[in-house]
Structures are given as C-alpha cells and as structure tokens.
Amino acid sequence: MKHRITSWLPAVVLALALPAMATANTSAPDQLVTETAGKLLAQIDANFDTYNEQPEQLAKVVRADMVPLLDMDYSARLILGRAGRDATADQIDAFAEAMTRLLVDRYASGLMGFRSQDQLEVMPLRGDLNERATRVRTRVRLTSGGFAPVDYVFRKTSEGWKVFDVIIEGISYVSTYRNQIIPEIEANGLDAVIERLNNGDLVLQD
C-alpha cells in the first residue's frame, strides 16, 4: 500500500471496542464509529507517556478493548477459504487466536501515531443496513496532508454488529492475508502455519 497506513489505522477499530460496547453492540455500525471513535484516542492521549515507555501496557488495553468488537472466527474462516474446509473447530480457533495475537501486537505500537480524533471523518451510510455485510466508509487524514479511504465491514451477529474486514485504499485485509496464508498452508499444513504465526516465524505483509 502506497501510504503504509495499515500499521496504525486499526486504532479507529480499537476505539469502537470499549468495554461499554463489548456486551451488546445495539447501535448501527456507522453510529458505533461516530459515537465512540474518539474515546480510546482520548485515553491514549491522556496516557501517551506511559504507553510510550511501557508499550506492553498499551498492548493489554488493545487486547481487552479490541477483541470484543471483532469477529475474528469469521475473519479467520474467510482468510482460510477453501484451505479451511477440512479444518477442525480447534484448528479454526487456534488460527483465529494466532491472527488476533498478530493484529494486537502489530497495531498496538501503531496507535502511538494516531492520537487526534480530527484525523477521522465518518462518511454517511449508503443504502440500508445489510446484516451480512454493511460497510462504514471513513477518511483518514495522513501526516502528508492527504486523505486515505478506510472502510470497516460489519456483520450482524447474536452479540450485535461486529467488524470482520477492513478495506484500506481498496485493499481488503482479509484478502491480503489470504493471499499470503494459503500458499503456506498448501506447502506446510495448517498446524505448521499456526505454530509459525505464534512463534513469530511467519511474517505477514500489510
């Protein structure tokens, strides 16, 4: 991606996943973004020095606040595609957990470069809500002064609306990771890929 913004844009997603939203996301997806996007950013701004000196503390916040809003099992199945058809439930869970850990570790440090709510503009929702896939479009102001389109794709679950994909400048995170994961699984098997992800031996590019 020409702006290399995937390392810090999920800060917006994280801002949605505050504990107050973890039990039931009853608001519409665009309202979730609009109403809560600044809350975590304010927390980071208030604790910037602490998080800068102790990044592990920010990682804990990220994991606690991010995971409840993300539909990682569904994302994991989309990433695996046909390679996951014969996978067991335990393998799917292990892969989803490995991907979650990767995202948390990768994006926690990126949050430090995304502190201003003014960097985010939520666009009006197009059409009616689709429970299978509703896209919330946003624009993020870059340090260069330009803007980058970032879309969050929600689906309606029994626990409310959850994010299962992020599309940055037209590129889906699910598709990006699928293109890298599938050849690894075909060559080495799913269990080996999960182990390599957990050990940090398999590096995925954004």
Protein backbone atom coordinates (compact mmCIF):
# COMPACT_ATOMS: atom_id res chain seq x y z
CA MET A 1 0.00 0.00 0.00
CA LYS A 2 1.46 3.27 -1.03
CA HIS A 3 0.81 5.04 2.28
CA ARG A 4 1.70 2.09 4.53
CA ILE A 5 -1.11 3.10 6.86
CA THR A 6 -2.30 -0.33 7.96
CA SER A 7 0.07 -0.27 10.92
CA TRP A 8 -1.94 2.40 12.72
CA LEU A 9 -5.39 2.70 11.13
CA PRO A 10 -6.93 -0.07 13.24
CA ALA A 11 -6.76 2.46 16.06
CA VAL A 12 -10.15 3.51 14.77
CA VAL A 13 -11.43 -0.03 15.13
CA LEU A 14 -9.98 -0.23 18.61
CA ALA A 15 -11.78 2.92 19.60
CA LEU A 16 -15.06 1.20 18.89
CA ALA A 17 -14.38 -1.73 21.15
CA LEU A 18 -14.57 -0.11 24.56
CA PRO A 19 -15.93 -2.30 27.37
CA ALA A 20 -19.27 -0.49 27.26
CA MET A 21 -19.77 -1.88 23.76
CA ALA A 22 -18.49 -5.38 24.48
CA THR A 23 -21.75 -6.92 25.68
CA ALA A 24 -24.19 -5.71 23.04
CA ASN A 25 -23.48 -3.55 20.02
CA THR A 26 -27.04 -2.39 19.51
CA SER A 27 -26.25 0.81 17.62
CA ALA A 28 -25.99 0.85 13.85
CA PRO A 29 -22.44 0.36 12.54
CA ASP A 30 -21.96 3.95 11.45
CA GLN A 31 -23.24 5.16 14.81
CA LEU A 32 -20.75 2.91 16.59
CA VAL A 33 -17.96 4.53 14.65
CA THR A 34 -19.26 8.07 15.07
CA GLU A 35 -20.11 7.81 18.77
CA THR A 36 -17.06 6.01 20.09
CA ALA A 37 -14.13 6.60 17.74
CA GLY A 38 -12.63 9.34 19.90
CA LYS A 39 -12.81 7.60 23.27
CA LEU A 40 -9.78 5.39 23.01
CA LEU A 41 -7.86 8.11 21.24
CA ALA A 42 -8.52 10.37 24.23
CA GLN A 43 -7.30 7.62 26.54
CA ILE A 44 -4.11 7.23 24.55
CA ASP A 45 -3.57 10.99 24.52
CA ALA A 46 -4.01 11.12 28.30
CA ASN A 47 -1.57 8.25 28.87
CA PHE A 48 0.79 8.80 25.98
CA ASP A 49 3.98 8.97 28.03
CA THR A 50 3.11 5.82 29.97
CA TYR A 51 2.30 3.84 26.84
CA ASN A 52 5.39 5.16 25.09
CA GLU A 53 7.60 3.93 27.94
CA GLN A 54 5.63 0.73 28.59
CA PRO A 55 4.22 -0.48 25.26
CA GLU A 56 3.14 -3.74 26.90
CA GLN A 57 0.55 -1.75 28.86
CA LEU A 58 -0.93 -0.43 25.64
CA ALA A 59 -0.96 -3.95 24.21
CA LYS A 60 -3.06 -5.06 27.18
CA VAL A 61 -5.51 -2.24 26.56
CA VAL A 62 -5.65 -3.07 22.88
CA ARG A 63 -6.40 -6.72 23.51
CA ALA A 64 -9.02 -6.01 26.17
CA ASP A 65 -10.80 -3.36 24.12
CA MET A 66 -10.27 -4.53 20.56
CA VAL A 67 -11.21 -8.19 20.58
CA PRO A 68 -14.87 -7.90 21.71
CA LEU A 69 -15.85 -5.93 18.61
CA LEU A 70 -14.01 -8.09 16.09
CA ASP A 71 -15.49 -11.24 14.61
CA MET A 72 -12.13 -12.99 14.41
CA ASP A 73 -13.52 -16.51 13.94
CA TYR A 74 -15.46 -15.36 10.89
CA SER A 75 -12.45 -13.43 9.59
CA ALA A 76 -10.28 -16.50 10.13
CA ARG A 77 -12.62 -18.65 8.04
CA LEU A 78 -12.63 -16.05 5.27
CA ILE A 79 -8.84 -15.87 5.30
CA LEU A 80 -8.52 -19.65 5.18
CA GLY A 81 -11.12 -20.04 2.42
CA ARG A 82 -11.01 -23.48 0.83
CA ALA A 83 -7.93 -24.33 2.87
CA GLY A 84 -10.12 -24.32 5.96
CA ARG A 85 -12.84 -26.65 4.70
CA ASP A 86 -11.31 -29.70 6.33
CA ALA A 87 -10.04 -27.87 9.40
CA THR A 88 -11.37 -28.86 12.80
CA ALA A 89 -13.10 -26.42 15.12
CA ASP A 90 -9.99 -26.47 17.32
CA GLN A 91 -7.77 -25.59 14.37
CA ILE A 92 -10.03 -22.70 13.38
CA ASP A 93 -10.00 -21.41 16.95
CA ALA A 94 -6.21 -21.72 17.15
CA PHE A 95 -5.76 -19.93 13.83
CA ALA A 96 -8.16 -17.15 14.86
CA GLU A 97 -6.26 -16.72 18.14
CA ALA A 98 -2.94 -16.60 16.32
CA MET A 99 -4.26 -13.95 13.94
CA THR A 100 -5.70 -11.97 16.85
CA ARG A 101 -2.35 -12.01 18.62
CA LEU A 102 -0.64 -10.87 15.43
CA LEU A 103 -3.03 -7.97 14.97
CA VAL A 104 -2.81 -6.86 18.60
CA ASP A 105 0.98 -6.92 18.62
CA ARG A 106 1.26 -5.21 15.25
CA TYR A 107 -1.27 -2.47 15.81
CA ALA A 108 -0.58 -1.57 19.44
CA SER A 109 2.60 0.28 18.52
CA GLY A 110 0.88 1.93 15.58
CA LEU A 111 -1.66 3.56 17.88
CA MET A 112 1.02 5.90 19.16
CA GLY A 113 1.00 7.66 15.80
CA PHE A 114 -2.78 8.13 15.73
CA ARG A 115 -3.81 10.48 18.52
CA SER A 116 -6.19 13.01 17.07
CA GLN A 117 -9.90 12.42 16.54
CA ASP A 118 -9.71 15.10 13.86
CA GLN A 119 -7.83 12.60 11.68
CA LEU A 120 -11.04 10.61 11.17
CA GLU A 121 -14.10 11.55 9.12
CA VAL A 122 -17.04 9.12 9.06
CA MET A 123 -18.96 9.27 5.80
CA PRO A 124 -22.77 8.94 5.53
CA LEU A 125 -24.00 5.36 5.29
CA ARG A 126 -25.04 4.32 1.79
CA GLY A 127 -28.32 2.45 1.46
CA ASP A 128 -29.99 0.22 4.03
CA LEU A 129 -28.20 -1.89 6.62
CA ASN A 130 -27.23 -5.33 5.37
CA GLU A 131 -26.88 -7.84 8.19
CA ARG A 132 -24.39 -9.90 6.18
CA ALA A 133 -22.09 -7.03 5.21
CA THR A 134 -22.51 -3.34 5.93
CA ARG A 135 -19.64 -1.07 5.00
CA VAL A 136 -18.86 2.03 7.02
CA ARG A 137 -16.72 4.38 4.97
CA THR A 138 -14.26 6.74 6.60
CA ARG A 139 -11.47 9.03 5.50
CA VAL A 140 -8.26 9.30 7.49
CA ARG A 141 -6.09 12.37 7.25
CA LEU A 142 -2.45 11.44 6.68
CA THR A 143 0.54 13.27 8.07
CA SER A 144 1.29 14.32 4.49
CA GLY A 145 -1.95 16.29 4.47
CA GLY A 146 -3.84 13.99 2.11
CA PHE A 147 -6.62 11.54 2.91
CA ALA A 148 -6.87 7.77 2.68
CA PRO A 149 -10.18 5.87 2.42
CA VAL A 150 -10.69 3.25 5.11
CA ASP A 151 -13.82 1.11 5.19
CA TYR A 152 -14.96 -1.13 8.05
CA VAL A 153 -17.15 -4.08 7.10
CA PHE A 154 -19.63 -5.13 9.77
CA ARG A 155 -21.98 -8.07 10.01
CA LYS A 156 -24.87 -8.62 12.42
CA THR A 157 -24.21 -11.37 14.97
CA SER A 158 -26.04 -12.63 18.04
CA GLU A 159 -23.85 -10.23 20.02
CA GLY A 160 -24.56 -7.25 17.80
CA TRP A 161 -22.62 -5.69 14.95
CA LYS A 162 -19.03 -6.83 14.59
CA VAL A 163 -16.17 -5.95 12.24
CA PHE A 164 -14.84 -8.77 10.08
CA ASP A 165 -12.83 -6.89 7.48
CA VAL A 166 -11.03 -3.59 6.98
CA ILE A 167 -10.56 -2.22 3.47
CA ILE A 168 -7.78 0.35 3.15
CA GLU A 169 -7.41 2.20 -0.13
CA GLY A 170 -9.49 -0.52 -1.79
CA ILE A 171 -7.41 -3.39 -0.39
CA SER A 172 -9.08 -5.89 1.95
CA TYR A 173 -7.09 -7.08 4.96
CA VAL A 174 -8.82 -10.48 4.65
CA SER A 175 -7.80 -10.85 1.01
CA THR A 176 -4.27 -9.60 1.68
CA TYR A 177 -3.65 -12.15 4.39
CA ARG A 178 -5.42 -14.94 2.49
CA ASN A 179 -3.08 -14.49 -0.45
CA GLN A 180 -0.10 -14.98 1.86
CA ILE A 181 -1.52 -17.69 4.12
CA ILE A 182 -2.92 -20.10 1.51
CA PRO A 183 0.44 -20.92 -0.16
CA GLU A 184 1.95 -21.50 3.29
CA ILE A 185 -0.83 -23.91 4.23
CA GLU A 186 -0.57 -25.75 0.92
CA ALA A 187 3.17 -26.16 1.44
CA ASN A 188 3.34 -26.91 5.16
CA GLY A 189 -0.15 -27.57 6.52
CA LEU A 190 -2.41 -25.53 8.79
CA ASP A 191 -0.90 -26.69 12.09
CA ALA A 192 2.57 -25.65 10.98
CA VAL A 193 1.29 -22.24 9.90
CA ILE A 194 -0.40 -21.71 13.25
CA GLU A 195 2.80 -22.65 15.07
CA ARG A 196 4.88 -20.31 12.92
CA LEU A 197 2.44 -17.45 13.50
CA ASN A 198 2.58 -17.99 17.24
CA ASN A 199 6.38 -18.16 17.22
CA GLY A 200 6.74 -15.09 15.03
CA ASP A 201 8.47 -17.13 12.32
CA LEU A 202 5.84 -16.32 9.69
CA VAL A 203 5.80 -12.60 8.89
CA LEU A 204 2.74 -11.33 7.01
CA GLN A 205 2.96 -8.15 5.00
CA ASP A 206 0.22 -5.49 5.16
